[in-house]
Amino acid sequence: MKYASEVIDLLTTYPGTEFKMAQIVRHVTRARDLSPGKRNAVRIGVFRVLEQLRDSGQVQQSKEGATSATYAWRPELLHGIGANCHANCNNIGSRIAS
């Protein structure tokens, strides 16, 4: 899917952080000034990616109001271990902390 790598890169860099659609579109377009039609096309593409990620359980969607929603990568999915991933992860930080 178009824009999937950009959306996943943003959300996985900040797991658990809630992003509004406008923030995600701004990241995907690299804050370039686009025509309203092009920006809407990007928004639709990003929405489709977010729908697929939400349906697969990787992204959590939170409704704030009647028309706005936020999207966040579920942090427990980064390592597939769960809430105690830092104790079980084989990265340098967990070895130093031990």
N, C-alpha and C. Protein backbone atom coordinates (compact mmCIF):
# COMPACT_ATOMS: atom_id res chain seq x y z
N MET A 1 0.84 -1.19 0.00
CA MET A 1 0.00 0.00 0.00
C MET A 1 0.88 1.24 0.00
N LYS A 2 0.42 2.22 -0.71
CA LYS A 2 1.13 3.48 -0.76
C LYS A 2 1.06 4.15 0.62
N TYR A 3 2.14 4.73 1.07
CA TYR A 3 2.28 5.44 2.35
C TYR A 3 2.39 4.51 3.56
N ALA A 4 2.33 3.20 3.37
CA ALA A 4 2.38 2.29 4.53
C ALA A 4 3.70 2.42 5.28
N SER A 5 4.81 2.47 4.57
CA SER A 5 6.10 2.53 5.27
C SER A 5 6.25 3.83 6.04
N GLU A 6 5.78 4.94 5.50
CA GLU A 6 5.88 6.22 6.20
C GLU A 6 5.02 6.23 7.46
N VAL A 7 3.81 5.70 7.36
CA VAL A 7 2.90 5.66 8.51
C VAL A 7 3.47 4.75 9.59
N ILE A 8 3.93 3.58 9.20
CA ILE A 8 4.48 2.63 10.17
C ILE A 8 5.74 3.19 10.81
N ASP A 9 6.60 3.82 10.03
CA ASP A 9 7.81 4.43 10.59
C ASP A 9 7.48 5.46 11.67
N LEU A 10 6.50 6.32 11.40
CA LEU A 10 6.12 7.34 12.37
C LEU A 10 5.54 6.71 13.63
N LEU A 11 4.58 5.82 13.47
CA LEU A 11 3.89 5.27 14.63
C LEU A 11 4.79 4.37 15.48
N THR A 12 5.68 3.59 14.85
CA THR A 12 6.54 2.71 15.63
C THR A 12 7.68 3.46 16.29
N THR A 13 8.03 4.62 15.77
CA THR A 13 9.07 5.43 16.41
C THR A 13 8.59 5.96 17.75
N TYR A 14 7.31 6.23 17.87
CA TYR A 14 6.70 6.75 19.10
C TYR A 14 5.55 5.86 19.54
N PRO A 15 5.82 4.63 19.97
CA PRO A 15 4.73 3.71 20.34
C PRO A 15 3.91 4.26 21.50
N GLY A 16 2.61 4.14 21.39
CA GLY A 16 1.71 4.61 22.43
C GLY A 16 1.34 6.08 22.31
N THR A 17 2.07 6.84 21.50
CA THR A 17 1.76 8.26 21.30
C THR A 17 0.61 8.38 20.31
N GLU A 18 -0.37 9.19 20.66
CA GLU A 18 -1.54 9.36 19.80
C GLU A 18 -1.30 10.48 18.80
N PHE A 19 -1.55 10.16 17.54
CA PHE A 19 -1.37 11.12 16.45
C PHE A 19 -2.72 11.38 15.79
N LYS A 20 -2.96 12.64 15.46
CA LYS A 20 -4.14 13.00 14.67
C LYS A 20 -3.82 12.78 13.20
N MET A 21 -4.86 12.65 12.41
CA MET A 21 -4.70 12.41 10.98
C MET A 21 -3.85 13.50 10.34
N ALA A 22 -4.08 14.75 10.71
CA ALA A 22 -3.32 15.86 10.11
C ALA A 22 -1.82 15.73 10.39
N GLN A 23 -1.46 15.26 11.58
CA GLN A 23 -0.05 15.07 11.92
C GLN A 23 0.57 13.96 11.07
N ILE A 24 -0.17 12.89 10.86
CA ILE A 24 0.34 11.78 10.07
C ILE A 24 0.48 12.20 8.61
N VAL A 25 -0.51 12.91 8.08
CA VAL A 25 -0.44 13.40 6.69
C VAL A 25 0.74 14.35 6.54
N ARG A 26 0.97 15.22 7.51
CA ARG A 26 2.09 16.16 7.47
C ARG A 26 3.42 15.39 7.41
N HIS A 27 3.51 14.31 8.18
CA HIS A 27 4.73 13.49 8.17
C HIS A 27 4.92 12.81 6.81
N VAL A 28 3.85 12.25 6.28
CA VAL A 28 3.93 11.53 5.00
C VAL A 28 4.32 12.48 3.87
N THR A 29 3.76 13.69 3.86
CA THR A 29 4.05 14.65 2.80
C THR A 29 5.30 15.47 3.06
N ARG A 30 5.95 15.21 4.19
CA ARG A 30 7.15 15.95 4.61
C ARG A 30 6.87 17.44 4.68
N ALA A 31 5.66 17.78 5.10
CA ALA A 31 5.21 19.16 5.33
C ALA A 31 5.30 20.03 4.07
N ARG A 32 5.25 19.39 2.90
CA ARG A 32 5.25 20.17 1.66
C ARG A 32 3.90 20.84 1.48
N ASP A 33 3.92 21.96 0.79
CA ASP A 33 2.68 22.68 0.48
C ASP A 33 2.04 22.03 -0.74
N LEU A 34 0.92 21.35 -0.54
CA LEU A 34 0.24 20.64 -1.61
C LEU A 34 -1.11 21.27 -1.90
N SER A 35 -1.60 21.02 -3.10
CA SER A 35 -2.93 21.50 -3.44
C SER A 35 -3.95 20.74 -2.59
N PRO A 36 -5.12 21.32 -2.36
CA PRO A 36 -6.13 20.63 -1.56
C PRO A 36 -6.50 19.25 -2.11
N GLY A 37 -6.53 19.10 -3.42
CA GLY A 37 -6.86 17.81 -4.01
C GLY A 37 -5.80 16.76 -3.74
N LYS A 38 -4.53 17.15 -3.86
CA LYS A 38 -3.43 16.22 -3.60
C LYS A 38 -3.38 15.86 -2.12
N ARG A 39 -3.57 16.84 -1.25
CA ARG A 39 -3.56 16.58 0.19
C ARG A 39 -4.70 15.62 0.57
N ASN A 40 -5.85 15.79 -0.04
CA ASN A 40 -6.98 14.90 0.22
C ASN A 40 -6.69 13.48 -0.27
N ALA A 41 -6.02 13.36 -1.40
CA ALA A 41 -5.65 12.04 -1.92
C ALA A 41 -4.68 11.35 -0.96
N VAL A 42 -3.73 12.09 -0.42
CA VAL A 42 -2.80 11.52 0.57
C VAL A 42 -3.56 11.12 1.82
N ARG A 43 -4.48 11.95 2.27
CA ARG A 43 -5.27 11.64 3.46
C ARG A 43 -6.06 10.35 3.29
N ILE A 44 -6.64 10.16 2.12
CA ILE A 44 -7.39 8.93 1.86
C ILE A 44 -6.46 7.72 1.87
N GLY A 45 -5.29 7.86 1.28
CA GLY A 45 -4.32 6.77 1.29
C GLY A 45 -3.85 6.43 2.69
N VAL A 46 -3.59 7.45 3.48
CA VAL A 46 -3.17 7.24 4.87
C VAL A 46 -4.30 6.59 5.66
N PHE A 47 -5.53 7.02 5.44
CA PHE A 47 -6.67 6.43 6.13
C PHE A 47 -6.79 4.95 5.83
N ARG A 48 -6.57 4.57 4.58
CA ARG A 48 -6.65 3.15 4.20
C ARG A 48 -5.58 2.33 4.90
N VAL A 49 -4.38 2.89 5.00
CA VAL A 49 -3.30 2.20 5.72
C VAL A 49 -3.68 2.03 7.19
N LEU A 50 -4.18 3.10 7.80
CA LEU A 50 -4.56 3.05 9.21
C LEU A 50 -5.70 2.06 9.45
N GLU A 51 -6.64 1.99 8.52
CA GLU A 51 -7.73 1.00 8.65
C GLU A 51 -7.18 -0.41 8.67
N GLN A 52 -6.26 -0.72 7.76
CA GLN A 52 -5.68 -2.05 7.69
C GLN A 52 -4.89 -2.37 8.96
N LEU A 53 -4.12 -1.41 9.46
CA LEU A 53 -3.35 -1.62 10.68
C LEU A 53 -4.27 -1.77 11.88
N ARG A 54 -5.35 -1.03 11.91
CA ARG A 54 -6.32 -1.15 13.00
C ARG A 54 -7.02 -2.50 12.96
N ASP A 55 -7.42 -2.92 11.77
CA ASP A 55 -8.11 -4.20 11.63
C ASP A 55 -7.21 -5.38 12.00
N SER A 56 -5.90 -5.23 11.80
CA SER A 56 -4.97 -6.31 12.15
C SER A 56 -4.55 -6.24 13.62
N GLY A 57 -4.99 -5.19 14.33
CA GLY A 57 -4.70 -5.07 15.75
C GLY A 57 -3.39 -4.39 16.09
N GLN A 58 -2.72 -3.82 15.11
CA GLN A 58 -1.44 -3.17 15.36
C GLN A 58 -1.57 -1.72 15.78
N VAL A 59 -2.66 -1.09 15.37
CA VAL A 59 -2.89 0.32 15.70
C VAL A 59 -4.18 0.43 16.48
N GLN A 60 -4.12 1.28 17.47
CA GLN A 60 -5.29 1.55 18.32
C GLN A 60 -5.88 2.89 17.91
N GLN A 61 -7.18 2.93 17.68
CA GLN A 61 -7.86 4.16 17.30
C GLN A 61 -8.68 4.63 18.47
N SER A 62 -8.55 5.91 18.80
CA SER A 62 -9.33 6.51 19.88
C SER A 62 -10.14 7.66 19.31
N LYS A 63 -11.42 7.65 19.57
CA LYS A 63 -12.28 8.75 19.13
C LYS A 63 -12.22 9.86 20.17
N GLU A 64 -12.03 11.10 19.70
CA GLU A 64 -12.06 12.24 20.60
C GLU A 64 -13.37 12.99 20.50
N GLY A 65 -13.92 13.02 19.33
CA GLY A 65 -15.16 13.75 19.12
C GLY A 65 -15.94 13.11 17.99
N ALA A 66 -16.90 13.83 17.49
CA ALA A 66 -17.75 13.28 16.43
C ALA A 66 -16.97 13.08 15.14
N THR A 67 -15.96 13.93 14.89
CA THR A 67 -15.26 13.84 13.61
C THR A 67 -13.77 13.57 13.74
N SER A 68 -13.20 13.64 14.92
CA SER A 68 -11.75 13.47 15.02
C SER A 68 -11.40 12.18 15.74
N ALA A 69 -10.28 11.63 15.36
CA ALA A 69 -9.78 10.41 15.99
C ALA A 69 -8.27 10.52 16.10
N THR A 70 -7.70 9.75 17.01
CA THR A 70 -6.25 9.66 17.11
C THR A 70 -5.86 8.21 16.90
N TYR A 71 -4.63 8.03 16.45
CA TYR A 71 -4.12 6.70 16.15
C TYR A 71 -2.79 6.52 16.86
N ALA A 72 -2.59 5.34 17.44
CA ALA A 72 -1.36 5.05 18.16
C ALA A 72 -0.96 3.60 17.91
N TRP A 73 0.35 3.38 17.77
CA TRP A 73 0.86 2.02 17.66
C TRP A 73 0.78 1.37 19.03
N ARG A 74 0.31 0.16 19.09
CA ARG A 74 0.20 -0.54 20.36
C ARG A 74 1.60 -0.94 20.81
N PRO A 75 2.10 -0.38 21.91
CA PRO A 75 3.49 -0.61 22.32
C PRO A 75 3.83 -2.07 22.60
N GLU A 76 2.87 -2.85 23.04
CA GLU A 76 3.17 -4.24 23.36
C GLU A 76 3.48 -5.07 22.12
N LEU A 77 3.23 -4.53 20.94
CA LEU A 77 3.48 -5.28 19.71
C LEU A 77 4.89 -5.10 19.18
N LEU A 78 5.64 -4.16 19.72
CA LEU A 78 6.97 -3.91 19.18
C LEU A 78 7.88 -5.12 19.31
N HIS A 79 7.83 -5.79 20.44
CA HIS A 79 8.69 -6.95 20.66
C HIS A 79 7.91 -8.25 20.69
N GLY A 80 6.61 -8.16 20.75
CA GLY A 80 5.79 -9.36 20.78
C GLY A 80 5.85 -10.11 22.09
N ILE A 81 6.38 -9.47 23.12
CA ILE A 81 6.54 -10.13 24.41
C ILE A 81 5.47 -9.68 25.39
N GLY A 82 5.02 -8.47 25.28
CA GLY A 82 4.01 -7.97 26.19
C GLY A 82 4.52 -6.80 27.01
N ALA A 83 3.85 -6.55 28.11
CA ALA A 83 4.15 -5.37 28.92
C ALA A 83 5.53 -5.45 29.55
N ASN A 84 6.08 -6.64 29.76
CA ASN A 84 7.38 -6.79 30.41
C ASN A 84 8.50 -6.96 29.38
N CYS A 85 8.41 -6.27 28.26
CA CYS A 85 9.37 -6.49 27.19
C CYS A 85 10.77 -6.03 27.56
N HIS A 86 10.92 -5.02 28.39
CA HIS A 86 12.25 -4.53 28.72
C HIS A 86 13.06 -5.56 29.50
N ALA A 87 12.41 -6.33 30.34
CA ALA A 87 13.12 -7.37 31.10
C ALA A 87 13.49 -8.55 30.22
N ASN A 88 12.72 -8.80 29.18
CA ASN A 88 12.94 -9.97 28.33
C ASN A 88 13.64 -9.65 27.01
N CYS A 89 13.82 -8.39 26.71
CA CYS A 89 14.37 -7.98 25.43
C CYS A 89 15.89 -8.19 25.42
N ASN A 90 16.44 -8.56 24.28
CA ASN A 90 17.88 -8.79 24.17
C ASN A 90 18.62 -7.56 23.66
N ASN A 91 18.25 -6.40 24.15
CA ASN A 91 18.97 -5.21 23.72
C ASN A 91 19.96 -4.78 24.80
N ILE A 92 20.79 -3.84 24.48
CA ILE A 92 21.84 -3.42 25.40
C ILE A 92 21.28 -2.84 26.68
N GLY A 93 20.20 -2.07 26.59
CA GLY A 93 19.62 -1.46 27.78
C GLY A 93 19.19 -2.46 28.83
N SER A 94 18.62 -3.60 28.38
CA SER A 94 18.17 -4.60 29.35
C SER A 94 19.37 -5.31 29.97
N ARG A 95 20.46 -5.44 29.24
CA ARG A 95 21.65 -6.08 29.81
C ARG A 95 22.32 -5.17 30.83
N ILE A 96 22.29 -3.88 30.59
CA ILE A 96 22.88 -2.93 31.54
C ILE A 96 22.03 -2.87 32.81
N ALA A 97 20.72 -2.90 32.63
CA ALA A 97 19.80 -2.79 33.78
C ALA A 97 19.85 -4.04 34.66
N SER A 98 20.27 -5.16 34.13
CA SER A 98 20.27 -6.42 34.90
C SER A 98 21.34 -6.46 35.95
